[in-house]
Structure formats: structure tokens, C-alpha cells
Amino acid sequence: MLGAVTIDIMLPFWGEPRLLFETVTSVLRQDDPDWRLLVLDDGYPDDSVAPWFEAVQDSRVQYRRNERNLGIVENFRASVEAAEAEYLVVLGSDDLLHPGYVRAVHARIERHPDADIFQPGVVVVDGEGQPSEPPVDWVKQRILRPKATHGDVVLQGEALASSLLRGNWLYWPSLVFRTAAIRRHDFRDDLPVILDLAIILDIVFDGGSLVAMPETVFSYRRHGASASQRSLLDGSRFADDRRFFDEAATRSREAGWRKAARAARIRVFARLHAFTQLPAVLRRGTQAGRRSALRHIFGG
């Protein structure tokens, strides 16, 4: 990718091409031109993708098809490694940037030059792109997300760790990272569904700060076909969550962050989320999934 820009938008792709094209179109419609886009196609079996990008007449957009299927964790690593700008986004291949996304992020970078993570305001949409607010997002947006009387919310250290361990209110594909900050850490192969929260907590324990922005400039698509939804039915999500929170409690105690350790140990909203998913798991989940869900909700 040529030229010096502030933000690299990295897009690891495996999914529905129609949604990918909508995502890329939303990037092309940015009213601030200071961005680059690199799509890393993980070998999705569809012949329409490469020709579509060949027709895109914008030098800021590049398309790269992996020689072999890497899987989500390795493709995320490749995305971070390929970034050249000071800041990067690991965008989902079915989410949408509003036209003012890059402009709003640039304004916050200028206002908070020492911050490592930026969370813009997010609206949730369903598989058809219509506004939606399922229970998990109602809790994220109305209860967990820190509120400010005006302007930005800046969090760091135990306050940030406690907030995220109480309940993860972030939307990974919308986040902007300082490239150097995220590169100091690695995605975990053993936590494929919550690898986002795991690496964010690594940044937090390393002293990183986060800015929550008031502007709603991103549409996050939530639908039942996602990997996170499938992992709920087979129980792997609940098992990974329990292990992650146990590790976070230990790290918090070692850092002297008693409030964060307590939040990780109680994990009240993680339990509540599991409870809201229990009817679906009992109806459609595997036997292991049902056992894992019940242990996650009622276990110590």
C-alpha cells in the first residue's frame, strides 16, 4: 500500500460476498479520504470476489487472497502484521462504516494523542441491515457502556479492566487501535471466539487507555449464523469464557486490582448472557453445550 495515511482498515474476509461488497462500499463512501483498505480473503470459495475488486477504481483499496486457508486467528494476525499506518481497524466483512467514521476517529486521535483504543458509537443491525437491539446489545448499550454527561469517556488501568470484566461493552470490528500497542501482544489460538477481549485486556494490563466516543458512526451486524452463535450451542464459548475469566481474576490480583479481580470472579453479566441463551441451547444445543451452559451460569 502506497502513501502515508493515518488509518489502515484491515478486512479479514470469510463469508457472504454480497455483505463484503456492502462493507467495502461503506468504506469508499467516507467523507474523509485519509484511509487505506486491505482485504485479506481467506480463500472463500466464490468466483465473484476477485473480479469485483478488479473493477474497483480506487488505489486506496487492495485485495489479497491467501494462498491457503489460515483460519480466523491467523488471518487476524496477518491483518495486524500487514498494517503500515499508525492506527488500524480490523473490520468485519459484514459491518458498515457510516460516512463520518474516519473523520470522527481522526478528530479523537487529535484530541487524545496518547490513547491506544477508540470505541465509536455503534448501532446494531440484523442480517438484513435493519436496526435491531437483542438483549445482549440492550445490556451493552444501556447498562454496561460508560456514560458521560458530555463528550468522550477516557478509561485506563483498573477502571477500564473492571468495566470490561463486569461486561464487555465493546464492538471489536468498530475499534481503532494504535498499531504499535496491538502489535506488542498476540491473538490467542485457544480463545477463537473471545480473542478480541483477550488481546484488549492484554493492552489494558500493559497500561493502554481507551476513548469511548459519543458519535454513532458504525453499524454492527448481529445474526444467528455467526461463529459466536454456533459456539454457544456446542458449549465451547462457555468453557472458553470460564477459563478466560479465571485467568483475568488471577492477573488482576497479581496487579493489585481487587475491584477487577472481583468483577472477573463474579462475571455477573457473562452469567446473565448465558442465561438468556439457555432456552436456545436447551432446544438446539449439543449435550455438551447444555452442560457447559448450566455450569457457566450456576458454577463457582
C-alpha atoms as a PDB file:
ATOM      1  CA  MET A   1       0.000   0.000   0.000  1.00  0.00           C
ATOM      2  CA  LEU A   2       1.433   3.343  -1.057  1.00  0.00           C
ATOM      3  CA  GLY A   3       1.458   6.692   0.654  1.00  0.00           C
ATOM      4  CA  ALA A   4       1.364   7.767   4.282  1.00  0.00           C
ATOM      5  CA  VAL A   5      -2.075   7.755   5.906  1.00  0.00           C
ATOM      6  CA  THR A   6      -3.311   7.720   9.494  1.00  0.00           C
ATOM      7  CA  ILE A   7      -5.655   4.712   9.440  1.00  0.00           C
ATOM      8  CA  ASP A   8      -5.308   1.315   7.779  1.00  0.00           C
ATOM      9  CA  ILE A   9      -8.609  -0.546   7.523  1.00  0.00           C
ATOM     10  CA  MET A  10      -7.778  -4.237   7.552  1.00  0.00           C
ATOM     11  CA  LEU A  11     -10.587  -6.551   6.443  1.00  0.00           C
ATOM     12  CA  PRO A  12     -10.074 -10.300   7.014  1.00  0.00           C
ATOM     13  CA  PHE A  13     -12.735 -11.948   4.852  1.00  0.00           C
ATOM     14  CA  TRP A  14     -14.615 -15.226   5.023  1.00  0.00           C
ATOM     15  CA  GLY A  15     -18.333 -15.012   4.470  1.00  0.00           C
ATOM     16  CA  GLU A  16     -21.112 -13.794   2.219  1.00  0.00           C
ATOM     17  CA  PRO A  17     -19.672 -11.815  -0.752  1.00  0.00           C
ATOM     18  CA  ARG A  18     -22.755  -9.591  -1.021  1.00  0.00           C
ATOM     19  CA  LEU A  19     -22.202  -8.349   2.524  1.00  0.00           C
ATOM     20  CA  LEU A  20     -18.484  -7.909   1.887  1.00  0.00           C
ATOM     21  CA  PHE A  21     -19.237  -5.692  -1.104  1.00  0.00           C
ATOM     22  CA  GLU A  22     -21.592  -3.587   1.030  1.00  0.00           C
ATOM     23  CA  THR A  23     -18.874  -3.218   3.658  1.00  0.00           C
ATOM     24  CA  VAL A  24     -16.269  -2.103   1.125  1.00  0.00           C
ATOM     25  CA  THR A  25     -18.746   0.316  -0.425  1.00  0.00           C
ATOM     26  CA  SER A  26     -19.264   1.879   3.005  1.00  0.00           C
ATOM     27  CA  VAL A  27     -15.505   2.448   3.225  1.00  0.00           C
ATOM     28  CA  LEU A  28     -15.437   4.051  -0.215  1.00  0.00           C
ATOM     29  CA  ARG A  29     -18.161   6.480   0.896  1.00  0.00           C
ATOM     30  CA  GLN A  30     -16.065   8.005   3.695  1.00  0.00           C
ATOM     31  CA  ASP A  31     -16.114  11.801   3.681  1.00  0.00           C
ATOM     32  CA  ASP A  32     -12.522  11.866   4.981  1.00  0.00           C
ATOM     33  CA  PRO A  33     -10.118  10.403   2.385  1.00  0.00           C
ATOM     34  CA  ASP A  34      -7.292   9.632   4.859  1.00  0.00           C
ATOM     35  CA  TRP A  35      -7.554   5.818   4.885  1.00  0.00           C
ATOM     36  CA  ARG A  36      -6.394   2.664   3.131  1.00  0.00           C
ATOM     37  CA  LEU A  37      -8.210  -0.651   2.865  1.00  0.00           C
ATOM     38  CA  LEU A  38      -6.665  -4.104   2.549  1.00  0.00           C
ATOM     39  CA  VAL A  39      -8.975  -7.112   2.144  1.00  0.00           C
ATOM     40  CA  LEU A  40      -7.410 -10.434   3.150  1.00  0.00           C
ATOM     41  CA  ASP A  41      -9.532 -13.134   1.522  1.00  0.00           C
ATOM     42  CA  ASP A  42      -9.004 -16.390   3.435  1.00  0.00           C
ATOM     43  CA  GLY A  43      -9.821 -18.499   0.384  1.00  0.00           C
ATOM     44  CA  TYR A  44     -13.592 -18.141   0.425  1.00  0.00           C
ATOM     45  CA  PRO A  45     -14.963 -20.381  -2.374  1.00  0.00           C
ATOM     46  CA  ASP A  46     -16.704 -17.811  -4.549  1.00  0.00           C
ATOM     47  CA  ASP A  47     -15.557 -16.723  -8.007  1.00  0.00           C
ATOM     48  CA  SER A  48     -17.227 -13.311  -7.843  1.00  0.00           C
ATOM     49  CA  VAL A  49     -14.968 -11.755  -5.217  1.00  0.00           C
ATOM     50  CA  ALA A  50     -11.701 -11.218  -7.106  1.00  0.00           C
ATOM     51  CA  PRO A  51     -13.384  -9.764 -10.258  1.00  0.00           C
ATOM     52  CA  TRP A  52     -15.397  -7.362  -8.097  1.00  0.00           C
ATOM     53  CA  PHE A  53     -12.207  -5.909  -6.633  1.00  0.00           C
ATOM     54  CA  GLU A  54     -10.537  -5.763 -10.033  1.00  0.00           C
ATOM     55  CA  ALA A  55     -13.313  -3.379 -11.042  1.00  0.00           C
ATOM     56  CA  VAL A  56     -12.788  -1.048  -8.070  1.00  0.00           C
ATOM     57  CA  GLN A  57     -11.095   2.099  -9.393  1.00  0.00           C
ATOM     58  CA  ASP A  58      -9.508   3.352  -6.171  1.00  0.00           C
ATOM     59  CA  SER A  59      -5.812   2.959  -5.431  1.00  0.00           C
ATOM     60  CA  ARG A  60      -6.511   3.008  -1.681  1.00  0.00           C
ATOM     61  CA  VAL A  61      -8.240  -0.391  -1.956  1.00  0.00           C
ATOM     62  CA  GLN A  62      -6.172  -3.561  -2.208  1.00  0.00           C
ATOM     63  CA  TYR A  63      -7.314  -7.168  -2.353  1.00  0.00           C
ATOM     64  CA  ARG A  64      -5.153 -10.116  -1.351  1.00  0.00           C
ATOM     65  CA  ARG A  65      -6.190 -13.775  -1.436  1.00  0.00           C
ATOM     66  CA  ASN A  66      -4.342 -16.076   0.960  1.00  0.00           C
ATOM     67  CA  GLU A  67      -2.557 -18.990  -0.685  1.00  0.00           C
ATOM     68  CA  ARG A  68      -4.209 -21.316   1.826  1.00  0.00           C
ATOM     69  CA  ASN A  69      -6.999 -21.021   4.344  1.00  0.00           C
ATOM     70  CA  LEU A  70      -5.468 -19.626   7.539  1.00  0.00           C
ATOM     71  CA  GLY A  71      -8.480 -19.590   9.836  1.00  0.00           C
ATOM     72  CA  ILE A  72      -9.764 -16.644  11.838  1.00  0.00           C
ATOM     73  CA  VAL A  73      -6.887 -16.320  14.309  1.00  0.00           C
ATOM     74  CA  GLU A  74      -4.104 -16.450  11.700  1.00  0.00           C
ATOM     75  CA  ASN A  75      -5.957 -14.113   9.365  1.00  0.00           C
ATOM     76  CA  PHE A  76      -6.362 -11.620  12.219  1.00  0.00           C
ATOM     77  CA  ARG A  77      -2.609 -11.886  12.840  1.00  0.00           C
ATOM     78  CA  ALA A  78      -1.931 -11.327   9.146  1.00  0.00           C
ATOM     79  CA  SER A  79      -4.163  -8.239   9.246  1.00  0.00           C
ATOM     80  CA  VAL A  80      -2.228  -6.665  12.101  1.00  0.00           C
ATOM     81  CA  GLU A  81       1.139  -7.570  10.565  1.00  0.00           C
ATOM     82  CA  ALA A  82       0.219  -6.042   7.190  1.00  0.00           C
ATOM     83  CA  ALA A  83      -0.812  -2.665   8.598  1.00  0.00           C
ATOM     84  CA  GLU A  84       1.549   0.229   7.837  1.00  0.00           C
ATOM     85  CA  ALA A  85      -0.288   3.225   9.302  1.00  0.00           C
ATOM     86  CA  GLU A  86      -0.055   4.467  12.885  1.00  0.00           C
ATOM     87  CA  TYR A  87      -3.616   3.268  13.563  1.00  0.00           C
ATOM     88  CA  LEU A  88      -5.588   0.290  12.329  1.00  0.00           C
ATOM     89  CA  VAL A  89      -9.068  -1.201  12.278  1.00  0.00           C
ATOM     90  CA  VAL A  90      -9.790  -4.938  11.959  1.00  0.00           C
ATOM     91  CA  LEU A  91     -13.145  -4.567  10.238  1.00  0.00           C
ATOM     92  CA  GLY A  92     -15.783  -7.281   9.998  1.00  0.00           C
ATOM     93  CA  SER A  93     -16.721  -8.363   6.482  1.00  0.00           C
ATOM     94  CA  ASP A  94     -20.428  -7.724   7.067  1.00  0.00           C
ATOM     95  CA  ASP A  95     -20.345  -4.498   9.095  1.00  0.00           C
ATOM     96  CA  LEU A  96     -20.785  -0.931   7.824  1.00  0.00           C
ATOM     97  CA  LEU A  97     -18.922   2.321   8.338  1.00  0.00           C
ATOM     98  CA  HIS A  98     -21.096   5.412   8.327  1.00  0.00           C
ATOM     99  CA  PRO A  99     -19.731   8.189   6.067  1.00  0.00           C
ATOM    100  CA  GLY A 100     -18.317  10.142   9.019  1.00  0.00           C
ATOM    101  CA  TYR A 101     -16.487   7.240  10.701  1.00  0.00           C
ATOM    102  CA  VAL A 102     -12.935   8.108   9.635  1.00  0.00           C
ATOM    103  CA  ARG A 103     -13.499  11.824  10.220  1.00  0.00           C
ATOM    104  CA  ALA A 104     -14.795  11.229  13.753  1.00  0.00           C
ATOM    105  CA  VAL A 105     -11.879   8.936  14.589  1.00  0.00           C
ATOM    106  CA  HIS A 106      -9.340  11.436  13.280  1.00  0.00           C
ATOM    107  CA  ALA A 107     -10.841  14.137  15.490  1.00  0.00           C
ATOM    108  CA  ARG A 108     -10.493  11.885  18.549  1.00  0.00           C
ATOM    109  CA  ILE A 109      -6.908  10.942  17.706  1.00  0.00           C
ATOM    110  CA  GLU A 110      -6.036  14.643  17.609  1.00  0.00           C
ATOM    111  CA  ARG A 111      -7.842  15.219  20.914  1.00  0.00           C
ATOM    112  CA  HIS A 112      -6.368  12.141  22.671  1.00  0.00           C
ATOM    113  CA  PRO A 113      -2.965  11.520  21.052  1.00  0.00           C
ATOM    114  CA  ASP A 114      -1.822   9.174  23.829  1.00  0.00           C
ATOM    115  CA  ALA A 115      -4.832   6.822  23.696  1.00  0.00           C
ATOM    116  CA  ASP A 116      -4.404   3.293  22.337  1.00  0.00           C
ATOM    117  CA  ILE A 117      -8.008   2.232  21.600  1.00  0.00           C
ATOM    118  CA  PHE A 118     -11.002   4.210  20.309  1.00  0.00           C
ATOM    119  CA  GLN A 119     -14.594   2.953  20.539  1.00  0.00           C
ATOM    120  CA  PRO A 120     -17.056   4.904  18.377  1.00  0.00           C
ATOM    121  CA  GLY A 121     -20.788   4.837  18.920  1.00  0.00           C
ATOM    122  CA  VAL A 122     -22.424   1.775  17.353  1.00  0.00           C
ATOM    123  CA  VAL A 123     -25.889   0.882  16.106  1.00  0.00           C
ATOM    124  CA  VAL A 124     -26.729  -2.834  15.845  1.00  0.00           C
ATOM    125  CA  VAL A 125     -28.428  -4.199  12.726  1.00  0.00           C
ATOM    126  CA  ASP A 126     -29.782  -7.629  11.855  1.00  0.00           C
ATOM    127  CA  GLY A 127     -28.906  -9.887   8.937  1.00  0.00           C
ATOM    128  CA  GLU A 128     -30.978  -7.714   6.595  1.00  0.00           C
ATOM    129  CA  GLY A 129     -29.380  -4.473   7.759  1.00  0.00           C
ATOM    130  CA  GLN A 130     -32.357  -3.305   9.801  1.00  0.00           C
ATOM    131  CA  PRO A 131     -31.863  -1.713  13.254  1.00  0.00           C
ATOM    132  CA  SER A 132     -32.063  -4.324  15.984  1.00  0.00           C
ATOM    133  CA  GLU A 133     -31.477  -4.439  19.717  1.00  0.00           C
ATOM    134  CA  PRO A 134     -31.418  -8.019  21.062  1.00  0.00           C
ATOM    135  CA  PRO A 135     -30.987  -8.403  24.836  1.00  0.00           C
ATOM    136  CA  VAL A 136     -27.201  -8.683  24.696  1.00  0.00           C
ATOM    137  CA  ASP A 137     -26.936  -5.343  22.911  1.00  0.00           C
ATOM    138  CA  TRP A 138     -29.563  -3.660  25.097  1.00  0.00           C
ATOM    139  CA  VAL A 139     -27.348  -4.514  28.075  1.00  0.00           C
ATOM    140  CA  LYS A 140     -24.165  -3.420  26.280  1.00  0.00           C
ATOM    141  CA  GLN A 141     -25.580  -0.083  25.184  1.00  0.00           C
ATOM    142  CA  ARG A 142     -27.893   0.833  28.080  1.00  0.00           C
ATOM    143  CA  ILE A 143     -26.149  -0.640  31.136  1.00  0.00           C
ATOM    144  CA  LEU A 144     -22.507  -1.530  30.521  1.00  0.00           C
ATOM    145  CA  ARG A 145     -21.208   1.251  28.280  1.00  0.00           C
ATOM    146  CA  PRO A 146     -19.864   4.090  30.472  1.00  0.00           C
ATOM    147  CA  LYS A 147     -21.941   7.235  30.303  1.00  0.00           C
ATOM    148  CA  ALA A 148     -20.633  10.789  30.140  1.00  0.00           C
ATOM    149  CA  THR A 149     -22.525  13.983  30.733  1.00  0.00           C
ATOM    150  CA  HIS A 150     -20.774  15.375  27.648  1.00  0.00           C
ATOM    151  CA  GLY A 151     -18.029  14.418  25.228  1.00  0.00           C
ATOM    152  CA  ASP A 152     -15.692  11.460  25.432  1.00  0.00           C
ATOM    153  CA  VAL A 153     -15.128   8.902  28.180  1.00  0.00           C
ATOM    154  CA  VAL A 154     -11.456   8.069  28.795  1.00  0.00           C
ATOM    155  CA  LEU A 155     -10.628   4.919  30.775  1.00  0.00           C
ATOM    156  CA  GLN A 156      -7.376   3.254  31.783  1.00  0.00           C
ATOM    157  CA  GLY A 157      -5.930   0.805  34.292  1.00  0.00           C
ATOM    158  CA  GLU A 158      -8.157  -0.893  36.851  1.00  0.00           C
ATOM    159  CA  ALA A 159     -11.168   1.262  35.976  1.00  0.00           C
ATOM    160  CA  LEU A 160     -11.044   0.026  32.376  1.00  0.00           C
ATOM    161  CA  ALA A 161     -10.282  -3.594  33.311  1.00  0.00           C
ATOM    162  CA  SER A 162     -13.128  -3.650  35.853  1.00  0.00           C
ATOM    163  CA  SER A 163     -15.553  -2.171  33.352  1.00  0.00           C
ATOM    164  CA  LEU A 164     -14.753  -4.776  30.671  1.00  0.00           C
ATOM    165  CA  LEU A 165     -14.660  -7.718  33.082  1.00  0.00           C
ATOM    166  CA  ARG A 166     -18.003  -6.680  34.513  1.00  0.00           C
ATOM    167  CA  GLY A 167     -19.361  -6.959  30.986  1.00  0.00           C
ATOM    168  CA  ASN A 168     -17.747  -6.475  27.570  1.00  0.00           C
ATOM    169  CA  TRP A 169     -19.474  -3.450  26.043  1.00  0.00           C
ATOM    170  CA  LEU A 170     -17.047  -3.055  23.140  1.00  0.00           C
ATOM    171  CA  TYR A 171     -17.705  -3.860  19.461  1.00  0.00           C
ATOM    172  CA  TRP A 172     -14.460  -5.279  18.079  1.00  0.00           C
ATOM    173  CA  PRO A 173     -14.902  -4.517  14.331  1.00  0.00           C
ATOM    174  CA  SER A 174     -15.548  -0.842  15.092  1.00  0.00           C
ATOM    175  CA  LEU A 175     -12.460  -0.330  17.271  1.00  0.00           C
ATOM    176  CA  VAL A 176      -9.455   1.708  16.187  1.00  0.00           C
ATOM    177  CA  PHE A 177      -6.105   0.637  17.659  1.00  0.00           C
ATOM    178  CA  ARG A 178      -2.735   2.269  17.848  1.00  0.00           C
ATOM    179  CA  THR A 179      -0.796  -0.184  15.689  1.00  0.00           C
ATOM    180  CA  ALA A 180       2.234  -0.302  17.996  1.00  0.00           C
ATOM    181  CA  ALA A 181       0.015  -1.069  21.013  1.00  0.00           C
ATOM    182  CA  ILE A 182      -1.761  -4.069  19.500  1.00  0.00           C
ATOM    183  CA  ARG A 183       1.432  -5.433  17.958  1.00  0.00           C
ATOM    184  CA  ARG A 184       3.001  -5.786  21.395  1.00  0.00           C
ATOM    185  CA  HIS A 185       0.568  -8.647  22.020  1.00  0.00           C
ATOM    186  CA  ASP A 186      -0.789 -11.651  20.140  1.00  0.00           C
ATOM    187  CA  PHE A 187      -4.137 -13.260  19.441  1.00  0.00           C
ATOM    188  CA  ARG A 188      -4.723 -16.453  21.386  1.00  0.00           C
ATOM    189  CA  ASP A 189      -5.311 -19.640  19.420  1.00  0.00           C
ATOM    190  CA  ASP A 190      -7.085 -21.193  22.404  1.00  0.00           C
ATOM    191  CA  LEU A 191      -9.735 -18.432  22.572  1.00  0.00           C
ATOM    192  CA  PRO A 192     -11.027 -18.164  18.984  1.00  0.00           C
ATOM    193  CA  VAL A 193     -14.386 -16.584  19.852  1.00  0.00           C
ATOM    194  CA  ILE A 194     -13.252 -14.147  22.557  1.00  0.00           C
ATOM    195  CA  LEU A 195      -9.780 -13.493  21.160  1.00  0.00           C
ATOM    196  CA  ASP A 196     -10.835  -9.845  20.840  1.00  0.00           C
ATOM    197  CA  LEU A 197     -11.457  -9.270  24.553  1.00  0.00           C
ATOM    198  CA  ALA A 198      -8.350 -11.270  25.434  1.00  0.00           C
ATOM    199  CA  ILE A 199      -5.973  -9.076  23.433  1.00  0.00           C
ATOM    200  CA  ILE A 200      -7.749  -5.906  24.565  1.00  0.00           C
ATOM    201  CA  LEU A 201      -7.194  -6.912  28.204  1.00  0.00           C
ATOM    202  CA  ASP A 202      -3.527  -7.526  27.353  1.00  0.00           C
ATOM    203  CA  ILE A 203      -3.315  -3.913  26.159  1.00  0.00           C
ATOM    204  CA  VAL A 204      -5.087  -2.704  29.309  1.00  0.00           C
ATOM    205  CA  PHE A 205      -2.732  -4.605  31.648  1.00  0.00           C
ATOM    206  CA  ASP A 206       0.132  -3.103  29.638  1.00  0.00           C
ATOM    207  CA  GLY A 207      -1.047   0.408  30.523  1.00  0.00           C
ATOM    208  CA  GLY A 208      -3.184   1.190  27.473  1.00  0.00           C
ATOM    209  CA  SER A 209      -6.100   3.623  27.564  1.00  0.00           C
ATOM    210  CA  LEU A 210      -9.429   3.682  25.738  1.00  0.00           C
ATOM    211  CA  VAL A 211     -11.614   6.523  24.490  1.00  0.00           C
ATOM    212  CA  ALA A 212     -15.357   5.931  24.129  1.00  0.00           C
ATOM    213  CA  MET A 213     -16.698   8.362  21.536  1.00  0.00           C
ATOM    214  CA  PRO A 214     -20.261   9.739  21.559  1.00  0.00           C
ATOM    215  CA  GLU A 215     -20.830   9.780  17.766  1.00  0.00           C
ATOM    216  CA  THR A 216     -22.705   6.825  16.298  1.00  0.00           C
ATOM    217  CA  VAL A 217     -20.738   6.152  13.110  1.00  0.00           C
ATOM    218  CA  PHE A 218     -20.749   2.339  12.785  1.00  0.00           C
ATOM    219  CA  SER A 219     -23.332  -0.382  12.098  1.00  0.00           C
ATOM    220  CA  TYR A 220     -22.550  -3.753  13.678  1.00  0.00           C
ATOM    221  CA  ARG A 221     -24.326  -6.713  12.112  1.00  0.00           C
ATOM    222  CA  ARG A 222     -25.512  -9.402  14.508  1.00  0.00           C
ATOM    223  CA  HIS A 223     -27.096 -12.540  13.085  1.00  0.00           C
ATOM    224  CA  GLY A 224     -27.541 -16.178  14.014  1.00  0.00           C
ATOM    225  CA  ALA A 225     -25.051 -17.573  11.511  1.00  0.00           C
ATOM    226  CA  SER A 226     -22.013 -16.085  13.242  1.00  0.00           C
ATOM    227  CA  ALA A 227     -19.259 -18.216  14.757  1.00  0.00           C
ATOM    228  CA  SER A 228     -20.051 -16.838  18.201  1.00  0.00           C
ATOM    229  CA  GLN A 229     -23.657 -18.029  17.941  1.00  0.00           C
ATOM    230  CA  ARG A 230     -22.599 -21.530  16.858  1.00  0.00           C
ATOM    231  CA  SER A 231     -20.106 -21.746  19.715  1.00  0.00           C
ATOM    232  CA  LEU A 232     -22.910 -21.120  22.193  1.00  0.00           C
ATOM    233  CA  LEU A 233     -24.760 -24.218  21.009  1.00  0.00           C
ATOM    234  CA  ASP A 234     -21.804 -26.578  21.285  1.00  0.00           C
ATOM    235  CA  GLY A 235     -20.665 -25.149  24.637  1.00  0.00           C
ATOM    236  CA  SER A 236     -17.187 -24.069  23.574  1.00  0.00           C
ATOM    237  CA  ARG A 237     -17.979 -20.385  24.160  1.00  0.00           C
ATOM    238  CA  PHE A 238     -18.996 -21.008  27.771  1.00  0.00           C
ATOM    239  CA  ALA A 239     -15.923 -23.139  28.511  1.00  0.00           C
ATOM    240  CA  ASP A 240     -13.620 -20.521  26.977  1.00  0.00           C
ATOM    241  CA  ASP A 241     -15.340 -17.742  28.929  1.00  0.00           C
ATOM    242  CA  ARG A 242     -14.879 -19.518  32.256  1.00  0.00           C
ATOM    243  CA  ARG A 243     -11.199 -20.149  31.605  1.00  0.00           C
ATOM    244  CA  PHE A 244     -10.635 -16.590  30.427  1.00  0.00           C
ATOM    245  CA  PHE A 245     -12.316 -15.035  33.473  1.00  0.00           C
ATOM    246  CA  ASP A 246     -10.376 -17.297  35.835  1.00  0.00           C
ATOM    247  CA  GLU A 247      -7.129 -16.143  34.219  1.00  0.00           C
ATOM    248  CA  ALA A 248      -8.233 -12.489  34.329  1.00  0.00           C
ATOM    249  CA  ALA A 249      -9.029 -12.770  38.035  1.00  0.00           C
ATOM    250  CA  THR A 250      -5.538 -14.118  38.692  1.00  0.00           C
ATOM    251  CA  ARG A 251      -3.870 -11.370  36.646  1.00  0.00           C
ATOM    252  CA  SER A 252      -5.927  -8.709  38.403  1.00  0.00           C
ATOM    253  CA  ARG A 253      -4.987  -9.998  41.851  1.00  0.00           C
ATOM    254  CA  GLU A 254      -1.325 -10.048  40.857  1.00  0.00           C
ATOM    255  CA  ALA A 255      -1.636  -6.419  39.676  1.00  0.00           C
ATOM    256  CA  GLY A 256      -3.281  -5.423  42.951  1.00  0.00           C
ATOM    257  CA  TRP A 257      -6.552  -4.625  41.162  1.00  0.00           C
ATOM    258  CA  ARG A 258      -9.026  -6.007  43.687  1.00  0.00           C
ATOM    259  CA  LYS A 259     -12.105  -4.490  42.030  1.00  0.00           C
ATOM    260  CA  ALA A 260     -11.171  -6.002  38.676  1.00  0.00           C
ATOM    261  CA  ALA A 261     -10.429  -9.379  40.272  1.00  0.00           C
ATOM    262  CA  ARG A 262     -13.857  -9.371  41.892  1.00  0.00           C
ATOM    263  CA  ALA A 263     -15.553  -8.451  38.598  1.00  0.00           C
ATOM    264  CA  ALA A 264     -13.778 -11.351  36.855  1.00  0.00           C
ATOM    265  CA  ARG A 265     -14.645 -13.784  39.617  1.00  0.00           C
ATOM    266  CA  ILE A 266     -18.341 -12.871  39.762  1.00  0.00           C
ATOM    267  CA  ARG A 267     -18.695 -12.276  35.974  1.00  0.00           C
ATOM    268  CA  VAL A 268     -22.313 -11.343  36.538  1.00  0.00           C
ATOM    269  CA  PHE A 269     -23.177 -10.213  33.014  1.00  0.00           C
ATOM    270  CA  ALA A 270     -21.420 -13.171  31.419  1.00  0.00           C
ATOM    271  CA  ARG A 271     -23.672 -15.395  33.532  1.00  0.00           C
ATOM    272  CA  LEU A 272     -26.744 -13.347  32.613  1.00  0.00           C
ATOM    273  CA  HIS A 273     -25.858 -13.576  28.923  1.00  0.00           C
ATOM    274  CA  ALA A 274     -25.553 -17.341  29.243  1.00  0.00           C
ATOM    275  CA  PHE A 275     -28.945 -17.396  30.983  1.00  0.00           C
ATOM    276  CA  THR A 276     -30.600 -15.507  28.105  1.00  0.00           C
ATOM    277  CA  GLN A 277     -29.129 -18.056  25.677  1.00  0.00           C
ATOM    278  CA  LEU A 278     -30.171 -21.060  27.757  1.00  0.00           C
ATOM    279  CA  PRO A 279     -33.568 -21.693  26.065  1.00  0.00           C
ATOM    280  CA  ALA A 280     -31.898 -21.870  22.633  1.00  0.00           C
ATOM    281  CA  VAL A 281     -29.088 -24.065  23.959  1.00  0.00           C
ATOM    282  CA  LEU A 282     -31.573 -26.425  25.617  1.00  0.00           C
ATOM    283  CA  ARG A 283     -33.608 -26.658  22.393  1.00  0.00           C
ATOM    284  CA  ARG A 284     -30.863 -26.822  19.776  1.00  0.00           C
ATOM    285  CA  GLY A 285     -27.561 -27.264  21.554  1.00  0.00           C
ATOM    286  CA  THR A 286     -25.493 -30.392  21.989  1.00  0.00           C
ATOM    287  CA  GLN A 287     -25.456 -32.321  25.256  1.00  0.00           C
ATOM    288  CA  ALA A 288     -22.021 -30.873  25.973  1.00  0.00           C
ATOM    289  CA  GLY A 289     -23.359 -27.419  25.173  1.00  0.00           C
ATOM    290  CA  ARG A 290     -26.210 -27.771  27.650  1.00  0.00           C
ATOM    291  CA  ARG A 291     -23.876 -28.970  30.417  1.00  0.00           C
ATOM    292  CA  SER A 292     -21.404 -26.173  29.711  1.00  0.00           C
ATOM    293  CA  ALA A 293     -24.118 -23.502  29.764  1.00  0.00           C
ATOM    294  CA  LEU A 294     -25.511 -24.677  33.105  1.00  0.00           C
ATOM    295  CA  ARG A 295     -22.056 -24.830  34.638  1.00  0.00           C
ATOM    296  CA  HIS A 296     -21.273 -21.349  33.347  1.00  0.00           C
ATOM    297  CA  ILE A 297     -24.460 -19.906  34.882  1.00  0.00           C
ATOM    298  CA  PHE A 298     -24.514 -21.685  38.220  1.00  0.00           C
ATOM    299  CA  GLY A 299     -20.906 -22.767  38.771  1.00  0.00           C
ATOM    300  CA  GLY A 300     -18.418 -21.075  41.107  1.00  0.00           C
END
